[in-house]
Amino acid sequence: MNRTRKSLLYCGLAFFALSAGRVSSLEGQVVERHAWKLTASFTGLRTGATAGWVYGPELGIRGDFGEHWGLGLRVALPVLDTESYSDDGAAAIDLGPTLTFSTAKSELGLAAGATGFLVADRGELIDGGIGAFIAGHATRWLNTRMGLTAGGTVRTSGGGTYPSVSLGISYRF
């Protein structure tokens, strides 16, 4: 009888030790949330004019206010082109809500909203003004703060549609 009690006691202690240190499968999937993300990219914007594409930097900042929702502001400054007669470039400013799905190692996101084009006299965009945009991005996080980002955007304004692609880095804080 004494031997049976000891066996039951040891089995109970082993069960308790194993179950106390166990992490549920949902706890292992918790993603650390960062309220702000800053992105610096190099973008190519299809203008629809004779030069075709213009290139330049793109900067964006996004503030998250929920598990999936946020608000993003992005400025694209495609001022480099391939034609000598059109060196003035343009700027596109996007503002709108974002929807993101994140894991510890990656992030997928969508955004839509208003865009504004600033066009110079010899710029390659055919029209300026206010329009709309829709965008998507994918980020692969290299560590808890830095990641590589690839994205695509379609902007409309007046009579034109302007797709763009970008590749850059993201920093979350």
N, C-alpha and C. Protein backbone atom coordinates (compact mmCIF):
# COMPACT_ATOMS: atom_id res chain seq x y z
N MET A 1 0.81 -1.19 0.00
CA MET A 1 0.00 0.00 0.00
C MET A 1 0.85 1.26 0.00
N ASN A 2 1.92 1.26 0.75
CA ASN A 2 2.80 2.39 0.82
C ASN A 2 3.45 2.67 -0.54
N ARG A 3 3.79 1.62 -1.24
CA ARG A 3 4.39 1.75 -2.57
C ARG A 3 3.40 2.34 -3.57
N THR A 4 2.15 1.97 -3.48
CA THR A 4 1.11 2.49 -4.36
C THR A 4 0.89 3.98 -4.14
N ARG A 5 0.91 4.39 -2.87
CA ARG A 5 0.74 5.82 -2.55
C ARG A 5 1.89 6.64 -3.12
N LYS A 6 3.10 6.14 -2.97
CA LYS A 6 4.26 6.84 -3.50
C LYS A 6 4.17 6.97 -5.02
N SER A 7 3.75 5.92 -5.70
CA SER A 7 3.61 5.95 -7.17
C SER A 7 2.56 6.98 -7.59
N LEU A 8 1.43 6.99 -6.88
CA LEU A 8 0.38 7.96 -7.19
C LEU A 8 0.86 9.39 -6.91
N LEU A 9 1.59 9.57 -5.81
CA LEU A 9 2.11 10.88 -5.48
C LEU A 9 3.09 11.37 -6.54
N TYR A 10 3.99 10.49 -6.99
CA TYR A 10 4.96 10.87 -8.02
C TYR A 10 4.26 11.16 -9.36
N CYS A 11 3.27 10.36 -9.69
CA CYS A 11 2.51 10.62 -10.94
C CYS A 11 1.77 11.95 -10.86
N GLY A 12 1.19 12.23 -9.69
CA GLY A 12 0.48 13.50 -9.51
C GLY A 12 1.42 14.69 -9.60
N LEU A 13 2.60 14.58 -8.97
CA LEU A 13 3.59 15.66 -9.05
C LEU A 13 4.09 15.85 -10.48
N ALA A 14 4.32 14.76 -11.20
CA ALA A 14 4.77 14.86 -12.59
C ALA A 14 3.69 15.51 -13.46
N PHE A 15 2.44 15.12 -13.26
CA PHE A 15 1.34 15.72 -14.02
C PHE A 15 1.23 17.21 -13.73
N PHE A 16 1.33 17.58 -12.45
CA PHE A 16 1.24 18.98 -12.06
C PHE A 16 2.39 19.79 -12.66
N ALA A 17 3.60 19.25 -12.62
CA ALA A 17 4.77 19.96 -13.16
C ALA A 17 4.66 20.15 -14.67
N LEU A 18 4.17 19.14 -15.36
CA LEU A 18 4.02 19.25 -16.82
C LEU A 18 2.91 20.22 -17.20
N SER A 19 1.80 20.17 -16.47
CA SER A 19 0.68 21.04 -16.83
C SER A 19 0.91 22.49 -16.40
N ALA A 20 1.66 22.73 -15.34
CA ALA A 20 1.92 24.10 -14.88
C ALA A 20 2.83 24.84 -15.84
N GLY A 21 3.76 24.17 -16.47
CA GLY A 21 4.69 24.82 -17.38
C GLY A 21 4.21 24.86 -18.81
N ARG A 22 3.05 24.33 -19.07
CA ARG A 22 2.53 24.24 -20.43
C ARG A 22 1.99 25.59 -20.88
N VAL A 23 2.30 25.97 -22.13
CA VAL A 23 1.80 27.21 -22.72
C VAL A 23 0.71 26.83 -23.71
N SER A 24 -0.41 27.50 -23.63
CA SER A 24 -1.49 27.18 -24.58
C SER A 24 -1.08 27.58 -25.98
N SER A 25 -1.70 26.97 -26.97
CA SER A 25 -1.35 27.26 -28.36
C SER A 25 -1.69 28.70 -28.74
N LEU A 26 -2.69 29.29 -28.13
CA LEU A 26 -3.04 30.68 -28.44
C LEU A 26 -2.02 31.66 -27.87
N GLU A 27 -1.43 31.36 -26.71
CA GLU A 27 -0.44 32.26 -26.13
C GLU A 27 0.80 32.34 -27.00
N GLY A 28 1.16 31.29 -27.68
CA GLY A 28 2.32 31.28 -28.54
C GLY A 28 2.13 32.10 -29.79
N GLN A 29 0.89 32.45 -30.11
CA GLN A 29 0.61 33.20 -31.32
C GLN A 29 0.37 34.68 -31.07
N VAL A 30 0.55 35.14 -29.86
CA VAL A 30 0.35 36.55 -29.54
C VAL A 30 1.38 37.39 -30.27
N VAL A 31 0.91 38.42 -30.96
CA VAL A 31 1.79 39.30 -31.71
C VAL A 31 1.98 40.59 -30.93
N GLU A 32 3.22 40.98 -30.75
CA GLU A 32 3.51 42.23 -30.06
C GLU A 32 3.03 43.38 -30.94
N ARG A 33 2.19 44.24 -30.39
CA ARG A 33 1.63 45.35 -31.16
C ARG A 33 2.47 46.59 -30.95
N HIS A 34 2.76 47.27 -32.03
CA HIS A 34 3.46 48.54 -32.01
C HIS A 34 2.50 49.57 -32.57
N ALA A 35 2.42 50.71 -31.94
CA ALA A 35 1.43 51.71 -32.33
C ALA A 35 1.79 52.44 -33.62
N TRP A 36 3.07 52.55 -33.97
CA TRP A 36 3.48 53.32 -35.13
C TRP A 36 4.41 52.53 -36.03
N LYS A 37 4.28 52.77 -37.34
CA LYS A 37 5.18 52.15 -38.32
C LYS A 37 5.62 53.24 -39.29
N LEU A 38 6.92 53.28 -39.56
CA LEU A 38 7.52 54.23 -40.49
C LEU A 38 8.13 53.42 -41.64
N THR A 39 7.86 53.84 -42.87
CA THR A 39 8.35 53.12 -44.05
C THR A 39 9.07 54.08 -44.98
N ALA A 40 10.24 53.67 -45.45
CA ALA A 40 11.00 54.42 -46.45
C ALA A 40 11.22 53.47 -47.63
N SER A 41 10.75 53.87 -48.81
CA SER A 41 10.79 53.00 -49.99
C SER A 41 11.32 53.74 -51.20
N PHE A 42 11.65 52.96 -52.22
CA PHE A 42 11.94 53.49 -53.54
C PHE A 42 10.78 53.05 -54.42
N THR A 43 10.15 54.01 -55.11
CA THR A 43 8.94 53.71 -55.86
C THR A 43 9.10 54.00 -57.34
N GLY A 44 8.36 53.29 -58.12
CA GLY A 44 8.22 53.54 -59.55
C GLY A 44 6.75 53.80 -59.83
N LEU A 45 6.45 54.93 -60.49
CA LEU A 45 5.08 55.35 -60.75
C LEU A 45 4.86 55.44 -62.25
N ARG A 46 3.87 54.74 -62.76
CA ARG A 46 3.52 54.79 -64.18
C ARG A 46 2.70 56.04 -64.42
N THR A 47 3.20 56.90 -65.32
CA THR A 47 2.57 58.20 -65.51
C THR A 47 1.53 58.23 -66.62
N GLY A 48 1.66 57.40 -67.59
CA GLY A 48 0.74 57.46 -68.72
C GLY A 48 1.18 58.40 -69.80
N ALA A 49 2.25 59.15 -69.59
CA ALA A 49 2.77 60.07 -70.60
C ALA A 49 3.87 59.36 -71.40
N THR A 50 4.60 60.10 -72.22
CA THR A 50 5.56 59.49 -73.13
C THR A 50 6.76 58.85 -72.44
N ALA A 51 7.21 59.37 -71.30
CA ALA A 51 8.36 58.78 -70.62
C ALA A 51 7.97 57.46 -69.95
N GLY A 52 6.73 57.31 -69.59
CA GLY A 52 6.27 56.06 -69.01
C GLY A 52 6.35 56.00 -67.50
N TRP A 53 7.54 55.86 -66.96
CA TRP A 53 7.72 55.68 -65.53
C TRP A 53 8.60 56.78 -64.94
N VAL A 54 8.27 57.18 -63.73
CA VAL A 54 9.13 58.08 -62.95
C VAL A 54 9.44 57.36 -61.64
N TYR A 55 10.60 57.69 -61.07
CA TYR A 55 11.10 56.98 -59.89
C TYR A 55 11.48 57.97 -58.80
N GLY A 56 11.46 57.48 -57.56
CA GLY A 56 11.89 58.33 -56.46
C GLY A 56 11.54 57.75 -55.11
N PRO A 57 11.80 58.53 -54.07
CA PRO A 57 11.54 58.05 -52.71
C PRO A 57 10.06 58.11 -52.35
N GLU A 58 9.70 57.29 -51.40
CA GLU A 58 8.34 57.29 -50.86
C GLU A 58 8.46 57.11 -49.35
N LEU A 59 7.83 57.97 -48.59
CA LEU A 59 7.85 57.91 -47.14
C LEU A 59 6.43 57.73 -46.62
N GLY A 60 6.27 56.87 -45.63
CA GLY A 60 4.94 56.65 -45.08
C GLY A 60 5.01 56.47 -43.57
N ILE A 61 3.92 56.84 -42.91
CA ILE A 61 3.77 56.62 -41.48
C ILE A 61 2.35 56.13 -41.25
N ARG A 62 2.24 55.14 -40.35
CA ARG A 62 0.93 54.59 -40.04
C ARG A 62 0.80 54.48 -38.54
N GLY A 63 -0.32 54.93 -38.02
CA GLY A 63 -0.65 54.78 -36.61
C GLY A 63 -1.77 53.77 -36.46
N ASP A 64 -1.55 52.75 -35.66
CA ASP A 64 -2.57 51.73 -35.43
C ASP A 64 -3.37 52.09 -34.19
N PHE A 65 -4.70 51.99 -34.30
CA PHE A 65 -5.54 52.29 -33.16
C PHE A 65 -6.43 51.11 -32.78
N GLY A 66 -6.17 49.97 -33.31
CA GLY A 66 -6.90 48.76 -32.97
C GLY A 66 -6.06 47.56 -33.34
N GLU A 67 -6.64 46.38 -33.20
CA GLU A 67 -5.89 45.17 -33.53
C GLU A 67 -5.56 45.10 -35.02
N HIS A 68 -6.48 45.56 -35.86
CA HIS A 68 -6.27 45.49 -37.31
C HIS A 68 -6.35 46.85 -38.01
N TRP A 69 -6.88 47.86 -37.37
CA TRP A 69 -7.16 49.12 -38.05
C TRP A 69 -6.13 50.19 -37.71
N GLY A 70 -5.92 51.09 -38.65
CA GLY A 70 -5.01 52.19 -38.46
C GLY A 70 -5.31 53.31 -39.44
N LEU A 71 -4.46 54.32 -39.43
CA LEU A 71 -4.56 55.45 -40.35
C LEU A 71 -3.18 55.70 -40.91
N GLY A 72 -3.09 55.77 -42.23
CA GLY A 72 -1.79 55.94 -42.87
C GLY A 72 -1.69 57.21 -43.69
N LEU A 73 -0.49 57.76 -43.71
CA LEU A 73 -0.15 58.93 -44.53
C LEU A 73 1.11 58.57 -45.30
N ARG A 74 1.08 58.75 -46.61
CA ARG A 74 2.23 58.40 -47.45
C ARG A 74 2.46 59.50 -48.46
N VAL A 75 3.74 59.82 -48.68
CA VAL A 75 4.13 60.83 -49.67
C VAL A 75 5.11 60.18 -50.64
N ALA A 76 4.75 60.16 -51.91
CA ALA A 76 5.63 59.65 -52.96
C ALA A 76 6.17 60.83 -53.75
N LEU A 77 7.48 60.85 -53.96
CA LEU A 77 8.13 61.95 -54.68
C LEU A 77 8.90 61.40 -55.88
N PRO A 78 8.20 60.91 -56.89
CA PRO A 78 8.90 60.37 -58.05
C PRO A 78 9.43 61.48 -58.95
N VAL A 79 10.67 61.86 -58.73
CA VAL A 79 11.26 62.99 -59.45
C VAL A 79 12.31 62.58 -60.47
N LEU A 80 12.65 61.30 -60.52
CA LEU A 80 13.64 60.82 -61.48
C LEU A 80 12.93 60.17 -62.66
N ASP A 81 13.31 60.56 -63.86
CA ASP A 81 12.70 59.95 -65.04
C ASP A 81 13.77 59.65 -66.08
N THR A 82 13.34 59.11 -67.18
CA THR A 82 14.29 58.69 -68.22
C THR A 82 14.35 59.66 -69.39
N GLU A 83 13.52 60.67 -69.40
CA GLU A 83 13.48 61.61 -70.52
C GLU A 83 14.05 62.96 -70.11
N SER A 84 14.83 63.58 -70.98
CA SER A 84 15.48 64.85 -70.64
C SER A 84 14.51 66.03 -70.67
N TYR A 85 13.41 65.91 -71.37
CA TYR A 85 12.49 67.05 -71.50
C TYR A 85 11.51 67.16 -70.34
N SER A 86 11.47 66.19 -69.46
CA SER A 86 10.46 66.22 -68.39
C SER A 86 11.12 65.94 -67.05
N ASP A 87 11.83 66.91 -66.55
CA ASP A 87 12.60 66.70 -65.33
C ASP A 87 11.94 67.23 -64.05
N ASP A 88 10.73 67.70 -64.11
CA ASP A 88 10.14 68.32 -62.94
C ASP A 88 9.49 67.33 -61.97
N GLY A 89 9.13 66.16 -62.41
CA GLY A 89 8.55 65.16 -61.53
C GLY A 89 7.18 65.54 -61.00
N ALA A 90 6.80 64.92 -59.91
CA ALA A 90 5.49 65.14 -59.31
C ALA A 90 5.52 64.63 -57.88
N ALA A 91 4.43 64.80 -57.18
CA ALA A 91 4.28 64.27 -55.82
C ALA A 91 2.87 63.73 -55.66
N ALA A 92 2.76 62.63 -54.96
CA ALA A 92 1.46 62.07 -54.62
C ALA A 92 1.39 61.92 -53.11
N ILE A 93 0.30 62.41 -52.53
CA ILE A 93 0.10 62.35 -51.09
C ILE A 93 -1.16 61.54 -50.84
N ASP A 94 -1.02 60.43 -50.09
CA ASP A 94 -2.14 59.52 -49.81
C ASP A 94 -2.48 59.57 -48.33
N LEU A 95 -3.77 59.58 -48.03
CA LEU A 95 -4.25 59.55 -46.65
C LEU A 95 -5.48 58.68 -46.59
N GLY A 96 -5.46 57.68 -45.70
CA GLY A 96 -6.64 56.84 -45.58
C GLY A 96 -6.50 55.77 -44.51
N PRO A 97 -7.60 55.08 -44.23
CA PRO A 97 -7.58 54.01 -43.24
C PRO A 97 -6.84 52.78 -43.77
N THR A 98 -6.29 52.01 -42.84
CA THR A 98 -5.56 50.80 -43.20
C THR A 98 -6.14 49.61 -42.45
N LEU A 99 -6.04 48.45 -43.07
CA LEU A 99 -6.45 47.19 -42.47
C LEU A 99 -5.26 46.26 -42.59
N THR A 100 -4.72 45.78 -41.46
CA THR A 100 -3.53 44.93 -41.47
C THR A 100 -3.77 43.65 -40.69
N PHE A 101 -3.09 42.61 -41.14
CA PHE A 101 -3.10 41.31 -40.47
C PHE A 101 -1.65 40.95 -40.21
N SER A 102 -1.30 40.77 -38.93
CA SER A 102 0.10 40.60 -38.54
C SER A 102 0.34 39.29 -37.82
N THR A 103 1.54 38.76 -38.03
CA THR A 103 2.09 37.69 -37.20
C THR A 103 3.42 38.22 -36.68
N ALA A 104 4.13 37.41 -35.94
CA ALA A 104 5.41 37.86 -35.40
C ALA A 104 6.43 38.10 -36.51
N LYS A 105 6.31 37.41 -37.64
CA LYS A 105 7.31 37.50 -38.70
C LYS A 105 6.83 38.20 -39.96
N SER A 106 5.54 38.46 -40.12
CA SER A 106 5.06 39.06 -41.37
C SER A 106 3.83 39.92 -41.12
N GLU A 107 3.51 40.71 -42.13
CA GLU A 107 2.35 41.59 -42.08
C GLU A 107 1.81 41.77 -43.48
N LEU A 108 0.51 41.69 -43.64
CA LEU A 108 -0.17 41.99 -44.89
C LEU A 108 -1.16 43.11 -44.62
N GLY A 109 -1.23 44.08 -45.53
CA GLY A 109 -2.11 45.20 -45.28
C GLY A 109 -2.74 45.76 -46.53
N LEU A 110 -3.88 46.40 -46.34
CA LEU A 110 -4.62 47.09 -47.39
C LEU A 110 -4.92 48.51 -46.91
N ALA A 111 -4.99 49.43 -47.85
CA ALA A 111 -5.33 50.81 -47.52
C ALA A 111 -6.13 51.39 -48.69
N ALA A 112 -6.98 52.34 -48.39
CA ALA A 112 -7.74 53.05 -49.41
C ALA A 112 -8.06 54.42 -48.86
N GLY A 113 -8.24 55.39 -49.76
CA GLY A 113 -8.56 56.72 -49.29
C GLY A 113 -8.37 57.77 -50.36
N ALA A 114 -8.04 58.97 -49.91
CA ALA A 114 -7.89 60.12 -50.82
C ALA A 114 -6.42 60.30 -51.19
N THR A 115 -6.20 60.73 -52.41
CA THR A 115 -4.85 61.04 -52.87
C THR A 115 -4.87 62.43 -53.49
N GLY A 116 -3.76 63.10 -53.40
CA GLY A 116 -3.61 64.41 -54.03
C GLY A 116 -2.34 64.43 -54.85
N PHE A 117 -2.42 64.92 -56.08
CA PHE A 117 -1.26 65.01 -56.96
C PHE A 117 -0.82 66.46 -57.07
N LEU A 118 0.46 66.68 -56.93
CA LEU A 118 1.06 67.99 -57.20
C LEU A 118 1.91 67.80 -58.45
N VAL A 119 1.58 68.53 -59.50
CA VAL A 119 2.23 68.32 -60.79
C VAL A 119 2.92 69.60 -61.23
N ALA A 120 4.19 69.49 -61.64
CA ALA A 120 4.94 70.64 -62.15
C ALA A 120 4.62 70.83 -63.64
N ASP A 121 5.04 71.96 -64.19
CA ASP A 121 4.74 72.28 -65.59
C ASP A 121 5.27 71.24 -66.56
N ARG A 122 6.49 70.78 -66.33
CA ARG A 122 7.06 69.80 -67.25
C ARG A 122 7.02 68.40 -66.66
N GLY A 123 6.15 68.15 -65.70
CA GLY A 123 6.03 66.84 -65.08
C GLY A 123 5.37 65.83 -66.00
N GLU A 124 5.56 64.57 -65.69
CA GLU A 124 5.05 63.50 -66.53
C GLU A 124 3.60 63.12 -66.23
N LEU A 125 3.07 63.49 -65.08
CA LEU A 125 1.66 63.20 -64.83
C LEU A 125 0.80 64.12 -65.68
N ILE A 126 -0.26 63.58 -66.25
CA ILE A 126 -1.05 64.39 -67.17
C ILE A 126 -2.01 65.32 -66.45
N ASP A 127 -2.37 64.99 -65.22
CA ASP A 127 -3.28 65.88 -64.50
C ASP A 127 -2.94 65.86 -63.01
N GLY A 128 -3.33 66.90 -62.33
CA GLY A 128 -3.14 66.98 -60.89
C GLY A 128 -4.47 66.92 -60.20
N GLY A 129 -4.49 67.32 -58.96
CA GLY A 129 -5.75 67.41 -58.25
C GLY A 129 -5.95 66.30 -57.24
N ILE A 130 -7.21 66.13 -56.85
CA ILE A 130 -7.60 65.18 -55.82
C ILE A 130 -8.21 63.95 -56.49
N GLY A 131 -7.91 62.80 -55.92
CA GLY A 131 -8.45 61.55 -56.44
C GLY A 131 -8.55 60.51 -55.33
N ALA A 132 -8.49 59.26 -55.72
CA ALA A 132 -8.58 58.16 -54.77
C ALA A 132 -7.43 57.18 -54.99
N PHE A 133 -7.15 56.37 -53.97
CA PHE A 133 -6.12 55.35 -54.11
C PHE A 133 -6.55 54.08 -53.40
N ILE A 134 -5.98 52.98 -53.82
CA ILE A 134 -6.09 51.70 -53.14
C ILE A 134 -4.69 51.09 -53.17
N ALA A 135 -4.28 50.52 -52.04
CA ALA A 135 -2.90 50.02 -51.93
C ALA A 135 -2.86 48.73 -51.12
N GLY A 136 -1.82 47.97 -51.35
CA GLY A 136 -1.56 46.76 -50.59
C GLY A 136 -0.08 46.65 -50.31
N HIS A 137 0.28 46.00 -49.21
CA HIS A 137 1.69 45.81 -48.89
C HIS A 137 1.89 44.49 -48.16
N ALA A 138 3.11 44.01 -48.24
CA ALA A 138 3.54 42.83 -47.49
C ALA A 138 4.87 43.17 -46.84
N THR A 139 5.00 42.86 -45.58
CA THR A 139 6.23 43.13 -44.84
C THR A 139 6.73 41.84 -44.21
N ARG A 140 8.01 41.61 -44.35
CA ARG A 140 8.68 40.49 -43.68
C ARG A 140 9.56 41.09 -42.59
N TRP A 141 9.23 40.84 -41.32
CA TRP A 141 9.97 41.42 -40.20
C TRP A 141 11.26 40.64 -39.98
N LEU A 142 12.39 41.34 -39.99
CA LEU A 142 13.69 40.73 -39.76
C LEU A 142 13.98 40.56 -38.28
N ASN A 143 13.44 41.46 -37.46
CA ASN A 143 13.52 41.37 -36.01
C ASN A 143 12.30 42.08 -35.46
N THR A 144 12.30 42.45 -34.19
CA THR A 144 11.09 43.06 -33.61
C THR A 144 10.82 44.46 -34.11
N ARG A 145 11.80 45.13 -34.71
CA ARG A 145 11.64 46.52 -35.15
C ARG A 145 11.74 46.73 -36.66
N MET A 146 12.66 46.05 -37.33
CA MET A 146 12.96 46.32 -38.75
C MET A 146 12.41 45.23 -39.66
N GLY A 147 11.97 45.66 -40.86
CA GLY A 147 11.47 44.70 -41.83
C GLY A 147 11.63 45.20 -43.25
N LEU A 148 11.48 44.29 -44.21
CA LEU A 148 11.49 44.60 -45.63
C LEU A 148 10.06 44.66 -46.13
N THR A 149 9.74 45.67 -46.92
CA THR A 149 8.37 45.89 -47.37
C THR A 149 8.32 45.98 -48.89
N ALA A 150 7.29 45.37 -49.47
CA ALA A 150 6.98 45.51 -50.89
C ALA A 150 5.51 45.90 -50.99
N GLY A 151 5.21 46.81 -51.90
CA GLY A 151 3.83 47.26 -52.01
C GLY A 151 3.45 47.69 -53.41
N GLY A 152 2.18 47.84 -53.60
CA GLY A 152 1.64 48.32 -54.86
C GLY A 152 0.47 49.25 -54.59
N THR A 153 0.33 50.26 -55.43
CA THR A 153 -0.72 51.27 -55.26
C THR A 153 -1.30 51.60 -56.62
N VAL A 154 -2.61 51.84 -56.67
CA VAL A 154 -3.26 52.37 -57.86
C VAL A 154 -3.95 53.66 -57.45
N ARG A 155 -3.56 54.75 -58.12
CA ARG A 155 -4.15 56.07 -57.84
C ARG A 155 -4.94 56.51 -59.06
N THR A 156 -6.05 57.22 -58.81
CA THR A 156 -6.83 57.79 -59.90
C THR A 156 -7.03 59.28 -59.62
N SER A 157 -7.01 60.05 -60.69
CA SER A 157 -7.22 61.48 -60.57
C SER A 157 -7.65 61.99 -61.94
N GLY A 158 -8.70 62.78 -61.97
CA GLY A 158 -9.16 63.31 -63.25
C GLY A 158 -9.47 62.18 -64.22
N GLY A 159 -8.77 62.17 -65.32
CA GLY A 159 -8.98 61.12 -66.31
C GLY A 159 -7.92 60.05 -66.31
N GLY A 160 -6.99 60.05 -65.35
CA GLY A 160 -5.88 59.11 -65.39
C GLY A 160 -5.87 58.11 -64.25
N THR A 161 -5.27 56.96 -64.52
CA THR A 161 -5.02 55.94 -63.52
C THR A 161 -3.53 55.71 -63.47
N TYR A 162 -2.95 55.73 -62.26
CA TYR A 162 -1.51 55.69 -62.10
C TYR A 162 -1.10 54.57 -61.14
N PRO A 163 -0.68 53.42 -61.66
CA PRO A 163 -0.19 52.36 -60.78
C PRO A 163 1.26 52.61 -60.36
N SER A 164 1.62 52.11 -59.20
CA SER A 164 3.01 52.22 -58.75
C SER A 164 3.38 50.99 -57.94
N VAL A 165 4.67 50.71 -57.90
CA VAL A 165 5.22 49.63 -57.07
C VAL A 165 6.35 50.22 -56.23
N SER A 166 6.56 49.65 -55.05
CA SER A 166 7.60 50.17 -54.18
C SER A 166 8.26 49.02 -53.42
N LEU A 167 9.51 49.27 -53.03
CA LEU A 167 10.29 48.31 -52.26
C LEU A 167 11.10 49.11 -51.25
N GLY A 168 11.06 48.71 -49.98
CA GLY A 168 11.79 49.49 -48.98
C GLY A 168 11.90 48.78 -47.64
N ILE A 169 12.14 49.60 -46.61
CA ILE A 169 12.28 49.09 -45.25
C ILE A 169 11.24 49.73 -44.35
N SER A 170 10.86 49.00 -43.31
CA SER A 170 9.89 49.49 -42.33
C SER A 170 10.50 49.44 -40.95
N TYR A 171 10.10 50.36 -40.14
CA TYR A 171 10.54 50.42 -38.74
C TYR A 171 9.30 50.61 -37.89
N ARG A 172 9.15 49.76 -36.88
CA ARG A 172 7.98 49.92 -35.99
C ARG A 172 8.44 50.33 -34.60
N PHE A 173 7.68 51.24 -34.03
CA PHE A 173 8.01 51.75 -32.69
C PHE A 173 6.75 52.04 -31.91
